[in-house]
C-alpha atoms as a PDB file:
ATOM      1  CA  MET A   1       0.005   0.007  -0.027  1.00  0.00           C
ATOM      2  CA  PRO A   2       2.813   2.477  -0.883  1.00  0.00           C
ATOM      3  CA  ALA A   3       0.306   4.922  -2.442  1.00  0.00           C
ATOM      4  CA  PHE A   4      -1.147   5.875   0.977  1.00  0.00           C
ATOM      5  CA  GLU A   5       1.840   4.972   3.166  1.00  0.00           C
ATOM      6  CA  SER A   6       2.986   8.555   3.782  1.00  0.00           C
ATOM      7  CA  GLU A   7      -0.431   9.827   4.893  1.00  0.00           C
ATOM      8  CA  LEU A   8      -1.049   6.784   7.058  1.00  0.00           C
ATOM      9  CA  ASN A   9       2.304   7.032   8.805  1.00  0.00           C
ATOM     10  CA  ARG A  10       1.713  10.748   9.509  1.00  0.00           C
ATOM     11  CA  TYR A  11      -1.694  10.000  11.013  1.00  0.00           C
ATOM     12  CA  LEU A  12      -0.443   7.186  13.197  1.00  0.00           C
ATOM     13  CA  GLN A  13       2.370   9.408  14.429  1.00  0.00           C
ATOM     14  CA  PHE A  14      -0.232  12.052  15.258  1.00  0.00           C
ATOM     15  CA  ILE A  15      -2.483   9.801  17.307  1.00  0.00           C
ATOM     16  CA  ARG A  16       0.467   8.270  19.064  1.00  0.00           C
ATOM     17  CA  VAL A  17       2.245  11.516  19.998  1.00  0.00           C
ATOM     18  CA  GLU A  18      -0.380  14.292  19.920  1.00  0.00           C
ATOM     19  CA  LYS A  19      -3.389  12.281  21.153  1.00  0.00           C
ATOM     20  CA  SER A  20      -1.377   9.965  23.431  1.00  0.00           C
ATOM     21  CA  LEU A  21      -3.324   6.910  22.409  1.00  0.00           C
ATOM     22  CA  SER A  22      -2.135   3.567  23.760  1.00  0.00           C
ATOM     23  CA  ASP A  23      -0.046   1.211  21.632  1.00  0.00           C
ATOM     24  CA  ASN A  24      -2.968  -1.247  21.479  1.00  0.00           C
ATOM     25  CA  THR A  25      -5.322   1.444  20.158  1.00  0.00           C
ATOM     26  CA  VAL A  26      -2.747   2.653  17.610  1.00  0.00           C
ATOM     27  CA  ASP A  27      -2.279  -0.913  16.422  1.00  0.00           C
ATOM     28  CA  ALA A  28      -6.029  -1.306  16.057  1.00  0.00           C
ATOM     29  CA  TYR A  29      -6.258   1.912  13.999  1.00  0.00           C
ATOM     30  CA  TYR A  30      -3.331   0.718  11.891  1.00  0.00           C
ATOM     31  CA  ARG A  31      -5.132  -2.577  11.094  1.00  0.00           C
ATOM     32  CA  ASP A  32      -8.415  -0.802  10.302  1.00  0.00           C
ATOM     33  CA  LEU A  33      -6.824   1.770   8.034  1.00  0.00           C
ATOM     34  CA  THR A  34      -4.458  -0.647   6.310  1.00  0.00           C
ATOM     35  CA  ARG A  35      -7.470  -2.812   5.423  1.00  0.00           C
ATOM     36  CA  TYR A  36      -9.472   0.235   4.263  1.00  0.00           C
ATOM     37  CA  LEU A  37      -6.726   1.821   2.195  1.00  0.00           C
ATOM     38  CA  GLY A  38      -5.668  -1.509   0.781  1.00  0.00           C
ATOM     39  CA  PHE A  39      -9.246  -2.063  -0.445  1.00  0.00           C
ATOM     40  CA  LEU A  40      -9.324   1.363  -2.118  1.00  0.00           C
ATOM     41  CA  ASN A  41      -5.962   0.783  -3.791  1.00  0.00           C
ATOM     42  CA  GLU A  42      -6.316  -2.842  -4.825  1.00  0.00           C
ATOM     43  CA  ALA A  43     -10.068  -3.104  -5.568  1.00  0.00           C
ATOM     44  CA  ARG A  44     -10.696   0.433  -6.843  1.00  0.00           C
ATOM     45  CA  GLY A  45      -7.285   1.494  -8.130  1.00  0.00           C
ATOM     46  CA  LEU A  46      -7.093   4.656  -5.996  1.00  0.00           C
ATOM     47  CA  SER A  47      -3.728   6.119  -5.087  1.00  0.00           C
ATOM     48  CA  ASP A  48      -4.673   9.683  -4.115  1.00  0.00           C
ATOM     49  CA  THR A  49      -6.498  10.405  -0.843  1.00  0.00           C
ATOM     50  CA  GLY A  50      -8.074  13.412  -2.538  1.00  0.00           C
ATOM     51  CA  ALA A  51      -9.941  11.076  -4.909  1.00  0.00           C
ATOM     52  CA  ILE A  52     -11.709   9.131  -2.107  1.00  0.00           C
ATOM     53  CA  THR A  53     -15.428   9.795  -1.984  1.00  0.00           C
ATOM     54  CA  LEU A  54     -18.282   8.886   0.298  1.00  0.00           C
ATOM     55  CA  ASP A  55     -19.350   6.188  -2.213  1.00  0.00           C
ATOM     56  CA  HIS A  56     -15.956   4.516  -1.938  1.00  0.00           C
ATOM     57  CA  ILE A  57     -16.233   4.463   1.901  1.00  0.00           C
ATOM     58  CA  GLU A  58     -19.762   3.103   1.851  1.00  0.00           C
ATOM     59  CA  GLU A  59     -18.685   0.401  -0.638  1.00  0.00           C
ATOM     60  CA  PHE A  60     -15.911  -0.675   1.758  1.00  0.00           C
ATOM     61  CA  LEU A  61     -18.269  -0.775   4.725  1.00  0.00           C
ATOM     62  CA  LYS A  62     -20.690  -2.976   2.723  1.00  0.00           C
ATOM     63  CA  GLU A  63     -17.809  -5.412   2.297  1.00  0.00           C
ATOM     64  CA  LEU A  64     -17.332  -5.439   6.064  1.00  0.00           C
ATOM     65  CA  VAL A  65     -21.042  -5.835   6.776  1.00  0.00           C
ATOM     66  CA  ALA A  66     -21.212  -8.776   4.369  1.00  0.00           C
ATOM     67  CA  LEU A  67     -18.689 -10.537   6.622  1.00  0.00           C
ATOM     68  CA  GLU A  68     -21.181 -10.097   9.532  1.00  0.00           C
ATOM     69  CA  LEU A  69     -18.613  -8.558  11.855  1.00  0.00           C
ATOM     70  CA  SER A  70     -19.586  -7.293  15.266  1.00  0.00           C
ATOM     71  CA  PRO A  71     -21.161  -3.880  15.373  1.00  0.00           C
ATOM     72  CA  GLU A  72     -18.352  -2.803  17.702  1.00  0.00           C
ATOM     73  CA  THR A  73     -15.729  -3.701  15.117  1.00  0.00           C
ATOM     74  CA  LEU A  74     -17.596  -1.871  12.383  1.00  0.00           C
ATOM     75  CA  ALA A  75     -18.063   1.171  14.610  1.00  0.00           C
ATOM     76  CA  ARG A  76     -14.368   1.342  15.366  1.00  0.00           C
ATOM     77  CA  SER A  77     -13.553   1.004  11.626  1.00  0.00           C
ATOM     78  CA  ILE A  78     -15.809   3.995  10.965  1.00  0.00           C
ATOM     79  CA  SER A  79     -14.131   5.978  13.758  1.00  0.00           C
ATOM     80  CA  SER A  80     -10.686   5.212  12.347  1.00  0.00           C
ATOM     81  CA  ILE A  81     -11.732   6.202   8.819  1.00  0.00           C
ATOM     82  CA  ARG A  82     -13.466   9.375   9.983  1.00  0.00           C
ATOM     83  CA  GLY A  83     -10.464  10.462  12.140  1.00  0.00           C
ATOM     84  CA  PHE A  84      -8.015   9.748   9.361  1.00  0.00           C
ATOM     85  CA  HIS A  85      -9.854  11.897   6.800  1.00  0.00           C
ATOM     86  CA  GLN A  86     -10.389  14.692   9.355  1.00  0.00           C
ATOM     87  CA  PHE A  87      -6.632  14.718   9.983  1.00  0.00           C
ATOM     88  CA  LEU A  88      -5.956  15.066   6.268  1.00  0.00           C
ATOM     89  CA  VAL A  89      -8.261  18.090   6.072  1.00  0.00           C
ATOM     90  CA  VAL A  90      -6.684  19.774   9.083  1.00  0.00           C
ATOM     91  CA  GLU A  91      -3.183  19.106   7.666  1.00  0.00           C
ATOM     92  CA  GLY A  92      -4.198  20.581   4.281  1.00  0.00           C
ATOM     93  CA  VAL A  93      -3.701  17.345   2.406  1.00  0.00           C
ATOM     94  CA  CYS A  94      -7.347  17.190   1.340  1.00  0.00           C
ATOM     95  CA  ARG A  95      -9.996  19.923   0.969  1.00  0.00           C
ATOM     96  CA  ALA A  96     -12.954  17.948   2.356  1.00  0.00           C
ATOM     97  CA  ASN A  97     -13.691  15.005   4.641  1.00  0.00           C
ATOM     98  CA  PRO A  98     -15.693  12.392   2.661  1.00  0.00           C
ATOM     99  CA  ALA A  99     -16.203  10.348   5.850  1.00  0.00           C
ATOM    100  CA  GLU A 100     -17.935  13.166   7.787  1.00  0.00           C
ATOM    101  CA  LEU A 101     -21.432  11.840   7.184  1.00  0.00           C
ATOM    102  CA  ILE A 102     -20.875   8.055   7.336  1.00  0.00           C
ATOM    103  CA  GLU A 103     -22.852   6.063   9.909  1.00  0.00           C
ATOM    104  CA  LEU A 104     -23.057   2.436  10.961  1.00  0.00           C
ATOM    105  CA  PRO A 105     -25.116   0.674   8.234  1.00  0.00           C
ATOM    106  CA  LYS A 106     -28.593  -0.339   9.338  1.00  0.00           C
ATOM    107  CA  LYS A 107     -28.024  -3.980   8.616  1.00  0.00           C
ATOM    108  CA  ALA A 108     -25.011  -4.022  10.893  1.00  0.00           C
ATOM    109  CA  ARG A 109     -27.132  -2.809  13.833  1.00  0.00           C
ATOM    110  CA  LYS A 110     -29.239  -5.993  13.666  1.00  0.00           C
ATOM    111  CA  LEU A 111     -26.388  -8.520  13.659  1.00  0.00           C
ATOM    112  CA  PRO A 112     -26.269 -10.977  16.570  1.00  0.00           C
ATOM    113  CA  ASP A 113     -23.675 -10.691  19.299  1.00  0.00           C
ATOM    114  CA  VAL A 114     -20.152 -11.919  18.596  1.00  0.00           C
ATOM    115  CA  LEU A 115     -18.629 -14.270  21.115  1.00  0.00           C
ATOM    116  CA  ASP A 116     -15.441 -13.065  22.704  1.00  0.00           C
ATOM    117  CA  ALA A 117     -12.386 -15.327  22.937  1.00  0.00           C
ATOM    118  CA  ASP A 118     -13.134 -16.391  26.518  1.00  0.00           C
ATOM    119  CA  GLU A 119     -16.768 -17.344  25.666  1.00  0.00           C
ATOM    120  CA  VAL A 120     -15.550 -19.421  22.695  1.00  0.00           C
ATOM    121  CA  ILE A 121     -13.040 -21.289  24.851  1.00  0.00           C
ATOM    122  CA  ARG A 122     -15.653 -21.993  27.520  1.00  0.00           C
ATOM    123  CA  MET A 123     -18.216 -23.226  24.998  1.00  0.00           C
ATOM    124  CA  ILE A 124     -15.745 -25.493  23.188  1.00  0.00           C
ATOM    125  CA  GLY A 125     -14.625 -26.963  26.530  1.00  0.00           C
ATOM    126  CA  SER A 126     -18.075 -27.544  27.890  1.00  0.00           C
ATOM    127  CA  PRO A 127     -18.990 -30.896  26.225  1.00  0.00           C
ATOM    128  CA  GLY A 128     -15.842 -32.607  27.507  1.00  0.00           C
ATOM    129  CA  THR A 129     -14.507 -35.861  26.047  1.00  0.00           C
ATOM    130  CA  GLU A 130     -16.028 -38.559  28.335  1.00  0.00           C
ATOM    131  CA  THR A 131     -18.487 -40.022  25.810  1.00  0.00           C
ATOM    132  CA  PRO A 132     -18.531 -40.455  21.983  1.00  0.00           C
ATOM    133  CA  ALA A 133     -21.282 -37.796  21.709  1.00  0.00           C
ATOM    134  CA  ALA A 134     -19.251 -35.358  23.801  1.00  0.00           C
ATOM    135  CA  ILE A 135     -16.196 -35.940  21.618  1.00  0.00           C
ATOM    136  CA  ARG A 136     -18.340 -35.346  18.516  1.00  0.00           C
ATOM    137  CA  ASP A 137     -19.837 -32.139  19.976  1.00  0.00           C
ATOM    138  CA  THR A 138     -16.404 -30.768  20.795  1.00  0.00           C
ATOM    139  CA  ALA A 139     -15.270 -31.465  17.232  1.00  0.00           C
ATOM    140  CA  ILE A 140     -18.327 -29.682  15.854  1.00  0.00           C
ATOM    141  CA  LEU A 141     -17.763 -26.606  17.996  1.00  0.00           C
ATOM    142  CA  GLU A 142     -14.048 -26.531  17.078  1.00  0.00           C
ATOM    143  CA  CYS A 143     -14.868 -26.973  13.447  1.00  0.00           C
ATOM    144  CA  LEU A 144     -17.492 -24.171  13.391  1.00  0.00           C
ATOM    145  CA  TYR A 145     -15.123 -21.664  15.007  1.00  0.00           C
ATOM    146  CA  SER A 146     -11.916 -22.709  13.238  1.00  0.00           C
ATOM    147  CA  THR A 147     -13.351 -22.630   9.708  1.00  0.00           C
ATOM    148  CA  GLY A 148     -16.292 -20.194   9.864  1.00  0.00           C
ATOM    149  CA  MET A 149     -18.417 -22.648   7.848  1.00  0.00           C
ATOM    150  CA  ARG A 150     -22.205 -22.457   7.739  1.00  0.00           C
ATOM    151  CA  VAL A 151     -24.270 -25.119   9.549  1.00  0.00           C
ATOM    152  CA  SER A 152     -25.487 -26.569   6.264  1.00  0.00           C
ATOM    153  CA  GLU A 153     -21.872 -26.869   5.099  1.00  0.00           C
ATOM    154  CA  LEU A 154     -20.909 -28.668   8.324  1.00  0.00           C
ATOM    155  CA  THR A 155     -23.810 -31.130   8.305  1.00  0.00           C
ATOM    156  CA  GLY A 156     -23.134 -31.950   4.618  1.00  0.00           C
ATOM    157  CA  LEU A 157     -19.382 -32.519   5.163  1.00  0.00           C
ATOM    158  CA  GLN A 158     -18.086 -35.738   3.714  1.00  0.00           C
ATOM    159  CA  MET A 159     -15.006 -37.731   4.856  1.00  0.00           C
ATOM    160  CA  GLY A 160     -13.392 -37.129   1.503  1.00  0.00           C
ATOM    161  CA  GLN A 161     -13.450 -33.354   2.098  1.00  0.00           C
ATOM    162  CA  LEU A 162     -11.047 -33.662   5.057  1.00  0.00           C
ATOM    163  CA  PHE A 163      -7.364 -33.226   4.424  1.00  0.00           C
ATOM    164  CA  LEU A 164      -6.288 -33.147   8.036  1.00  0.00           C
ATOM    165  CA  GLU A 165      -2.648 -34.042   7.409  1.00  0.00           C
ATOM    166  CA  ALA A 166      -2.446 -30.848   5.345  1.00  0.00           C
ATOM    167  CA  GLY A 167      -4.618 -28.987   7.842  1.00  0.00           C
ATOM    168  CA  LEU A 168      -7.309 -28.222   5.242  1.00  0.00           C
ATOM    169  CA  ILE A 169     -11.039 -28.847   4.701  1.00  0.00           C
ATOM    170  CA  ARG A 170     -12.756 -28.593   1.321  1.00  0.00           C
ATOM    171  CA  VAL A 171     -16.045 -26.848   1.955  1.00  0.00           C
ATOM    172  CA  ILE A 172     -18.939 -26.971  -0.505  1.00  0.00           C
ATOM    173  CA  GLY A 173     -20.944 -23.807  -0.099  1.00  0.00           C
ATOM    174  CA  LYS A 174     -23.909 -22.090  -1.738  1.00  0.00           C
ATOM    175  CA  GLY A 175     -24.323 -22.874  -5.424  1.00  0.00           C
ATOM    176  CA  ASN A 176     -21.963 -25.841  -4.982  1.00  0.00           C
ATOM    177  CA  LYS A 177     -19.003 -23.460  -4.890  1.00  0.00           C
ATOM    178  CA  GLU A 178     -15.976 -25.046  -3.363  1.00  0.00           C
ATOM    179  CA  ARG A 179     -13.265 -23.519  -1.219  1.00  0.00           C
ATOM    180  CA  LEU A 180     -10.360 -24.764   0.838  1.00  0.00           C
ATOM    181  CA  VAL A 181     -10.227 -23.467   4.392  1.00  0.00           C
ATOM    182  CA  PRO A 182      -7.498 -24.073   6.980  1.00  0.00           C
ATOM    183  CA  ALA A 183      -8.362 -26.151  10.010  1.00  0.00           C
ATOM    184  CA  GLY A 184      -6.553 -24.812  13.042  1.00  0.00           C
ATOM    185  CA  GLU A 185      -4.453 -27.042  15.281  1.00  0.00           C
ATOM    186  CA  TYR A 186      -7.189 -27.535  17.882  1.00  0.00           C
ATOM    187  CA  ALA A 187      -9.889 -28.269  15.327  1.00  0.00           C
ATOM    188  CA  ARG A 188      -7.614 -30.730  13.569  1.00  0.00           C
ATOM    189  CA  ALA A 189      -6.905 -32.543  16.831  1.00  0.00           C
ATOM    190  CA  ALA A 190     -10.582 -32.593  17.789  1.00  0.00           C
ATOM    191  CA  LEU A 191     -11.605 -33.986  14.405  1.00  0.00           C
ATOM    192  CA  GLU A 192      -8.908 -36.638  14.496  1.00  0.00           C
ATOM    193  CA  LYS A 193     -10.031 -37.770  17.942  1.00  0.00           C
ATOM    194  CA  TYR A 194     -13.659 -37.851  16.865  1.00  0.00           C
ATOM    195  CA  ILE A 195     -12.916 -39.858  13.709  1.00  0.00           C
ATOM    196  CA  ALA A 196     -10.618 -42.330  15.583  1.00  0.00           C
ATOM    197  CA  ASP A 197     -12.470 -42.756  18.872  1.00  0.00           C
ATOM    198  CA  ALA A 198     -16.096 -41.658  18.605  1.00  0.00           C
ATOM    199  CA  ARG A 199     -17.391 -41.970  15.048  1.00  0.00           C
ATOM    200  CA  PRO A 200     -16.894 -45.757  14.900  1.00  0.00           C
ATOM    201  CA  GLN A 201     -19.147 -46.029  17.937  1.00  0.00           C
ATOM    202  CA  PHE A 202     -22.122 -44.782  15.949  1.00  0.00           C
ATOM    203  CA  THR A 203     -24.029 -47.469  14.068  1.00  0.00           C
ATOM    204  CA  GLY A 204     -25.441 -47.479  10.577  1.00  0.00           C
ATOM    205  CA  THR A 205     -22.376 -46.025   8.898  1.00  0.00           C
ATOM    206  CA  THR A 206     -23.171 -47.770   5.629  1.00  0.00           C
ATOM    207  CA  GLY A 207     -24.854 -46.836   2.387  1.00  0.00           C
ATOM    208  CA  LYS A 208     -25.695 -43.170   1.770  1.00  0.00           C
ATOM    209  CA  THR A 209     -24.566 -42.065   5.245  1.00  0.00           C
ATOM    210  CA  ARG A 210     -21.242 -43.924   5.249  1.00  0.00           C
ATOM    211  CA  ASN A 211     -19.134 -40.920   4.203  1.00  0.00           C
ATOM    212  CA  ARG A 212     -20.802 -38.210   6.248  1.00  0.00           C
ATOM    213  CA  VAL A 213     -18.437 -36.814   8.862  1.00  0.00           C
ATOM    214  CA  PHE A 214     -20.910 -35.957  11.640  1.00  0.00           C
ATOM    215  CA  LEU A 215     -23.373 -38.645  12.607  1.00  0.00           C
ATOM    216  CA  ASN A 216     -25.982 -38.984  15.371  1.00  0.00           C
ATOM    217  CA  GLN A 217     -26.174 -41.951  17.681  1.00  0.00           C
ATOM    218  CA  ARG A 218     -28.437 -43.788  15.239  1.00  0.00           C
ATOM    219  CA  GLY A 219     -25.682 -43.563  12.639  1.00  0.00           C
ATOM    220  CA  THR A 220     -27.542 -41.177  10.368  1.00  0.00           C
ATOM    221  CA  PRO A 221     -26.294 -37.721   9.355  1.00  0.00           C
ATOM    222  CA  LEU A 222     -26.600 -35.024  11.981  1.00  0.00           C
ATOM    223  CA  SER A 223     -29.343 -32.491  11.189  1.00  0.00           C
ATOM    224  CA  ARG A 224     -29.053 -28.713  11.335  1.00  0.00           C
ATOM    225  CA  MET A 225     -31.475 -28.662  14.294  1.00  0.00           C
ATOM    226  CA  SER A 226     -29.205 -31.097  16.148  1.00  0.00           C
ATOM    227  CA  VAL A 227     -26.280 -28.705  15.705  1.00  0.00           C
ATOM    228  CA  TRP A 228     -28.423 -25.844  17.015  1.00  0.00           C
ATOM    229  CA  THR A 229     -29.179 -27.976  20.082  1.00  0.00           C
ATOM    230  CA  ILE A 230     -25.520 -28.799  20.561  1.00  0.00           C
ATOM    231  CA  VAL A 231     -24.525 -25.131  20.393  1.00  0.00           C
ATOM    232  CA  SER A 232     -27.335 -23.971  22.674  1.00  0.00           C
ATOM    233  CA  ARG A 233     -26.471 -26.640  25.291  1.00  0.00           C
ATOM    234  CA  ALA A 234     -22.746 -25.681  25.145  1.00  0.00           C
ATOM    235  CA  ALA A 235     -23.625 -21.979  25.687  1.00  0.00           C
ATOM    236  CA  LYS A 236     -25.851 -22.845  28.639  1.00  0.00           C
ATOM    237  CA  ASN A 237     -23.262 -25.117  30.232  1.00  0.00           C
ATOM    238  CA  ALA A 238     -20.579 -22.430  29.722  1.00  0.00           C
ATOM    239  CA  GLY A 239     -22.708 -19.968  31.686  1.00  0.00           C
ATOM    240  CA  ILE A 240     -23.400 -17.672  28.702  1.00  0.00           C
ATOM    241  CA  LYS A 241     -26.709 -15.875  29.197  1.00  0.00           C
ATOM    242  CA  LYS A 242     -27.258 -14.266  25.808  1.00  0.00           C
ATOM    243  CA  PRO A 243     -28.797 -16.350  22.996  1.00  0.00           C
ATOM    244  CA  VAL A 244     -26.098 -18.148  21.001  1.00  0.00           C
ATOM    245  CA  TYR A 245     -26.739 -19.708  17.645  1.00  0.00           C
ATOM    246  CA  PRO A 246     -24.372 -21.685  15.344  1.00  0.00           C
ATOM    247  CA  HIS A 247     -24.016 -18.638  13.098  1.00  0.00           C
ATOM    248  CA  ALA A 248     -22.462 -16.728  16.001  1.00  0.00           C
ATOM    249  CA  PHE A 249     -19.313 -18.838  15.480  1.00  0.00           C
ATOM    250  CA  ARG A 250     -19.146 -17.578  11.871  1.00  0.00           C
ATOM    251  CA  HIS A 251     -19.483 -13.935  13.028  1.00  0.00           C
ATOM    252  CA  SER A 252     -16.866 -14.546  15.710  1.00  0.00           C
ATOM    253  CA  PHE A 253     -14.486 -16.277  13.305  1.00  0.00           C
ATOM    254  CA  ALA A 254     -14.513 -13.310  10.904  1.00  0.00           C
ATOM    255  CA  THR A 255     -14.310 -10.654  13.623  1.00  0.00           C
ATOM    256  CA  HIS A 256     -11.436 -12.298  15.504  1.00  0.00           C
ATOM    257  CA  LEU A 257      -9.440 -12.836  12.296  1.00  0.00           C
ATOM    258  CA  LEU A 258      -9.749  -9.234  11.256  1.00  0.00           C
ATOM    259  CA  GLU A 259      -9.064  -8.014  14.785  1.00  0.00           C
ATOM    260  CA  GLY A 260      -5.915 -10.148  14.656  1.00  0.00           C
ATOM    261  CA  GLY A 261      -4.715  -8.449  11.490  1.00  0.00           C
ATOM    262  CA  ALA A 262      -5.923 -10.771   8.708  1.00  0.00           C
ATOM    263  CA  ASP A 263      -6.501  -9.026   5.375  1.00  0.00           C
ATOM    264  CA  LEU A 264     -10.015  -8.509   4.071  1.00  0.00           C
ATOM    265  CA  ARG A 265      -9.638 -10.605   0.932  1.00  0.00           C
ATOM    266  CA  SER A 266      -8.419 -13.708   2.831  1.00  0.00           C
ATOM    267  CA  VAL A 267     -11.336 -13.592   5.240  1.00  0.00           C
ATOM    268  CA  GLN A 268     -13.783 -13.174   2.362  1.00  0.00           C
ATOM    269  CA  GLU A 269     -12.314 -16.240   0.623  1.00  0.00           C
ATOM    270  CA  MET A 270     -12.499 -18.391   3.808  1.00  0.00           C
ATOM    271  CA  LEU A 271     -16.138 -17.410   4.300  1.00  0.00           C
ATOM    272  CA  GLY A 272     -17.011 -18.103   0.656  1.00  0.00           C
ATOM    273  CA  HIS A 273     -17.814 -14.466  -0.142  1.00  0.00           C
ATOM    274  CA  ALA A 274     -15.021 -13.869  -2.670  1.00  0.00           C
END
């Protein structure tokens, strides 16, 4: 992002020295603005801050909303963008602030709560590993959070889509579009334990259901409603009071990746939005 590097560095220096923001806050602004300016440069071919318009900013925010990030993450992105452009006006780099009128998109205000890291850990740990069903439920929760896949993608998962030695899962999404997503170390370990120790305990693994990854105790493919029940039970056992649905893992997956510095394009690809 060399086109905007000078302006970005000047702004980061300003908020660090003049506004005395903490290192963590400056780092968060850096990630937000790098993602924003990278989008403008790579997706829209812009290299001059004076050419950025309100339409460009709203287009970027739509990309973030499509990832179903937490409203807090979106609000901070807006704050970062608005402050950056205001700085450019004050410094005489730009004549107007195109971000002055931007607001949190209405759709983003209706998104469900995102789980924080502690809540995710508590939920994944709640089933335990004492029974085959508990081992399966732990693998399901790990898989949902590690990959960001939809419930329908998880329940339709076939054994042939798992490439655990390579740490990858081939996900078949909407419109039969395929994508490869990385399975984190914990998800990989949970899946390997489930396949080795728990899945063989379920009966009826022949015929049409033989290759499905997640089975119920009758040996038939796990339903979407069963996954909802597993997630709700895990939330209750973890002491989480707010309603938690399977899709919350997808929101949390995207939010935590971007908060950790992942680039927008990579997250879009992993979610099947690219």
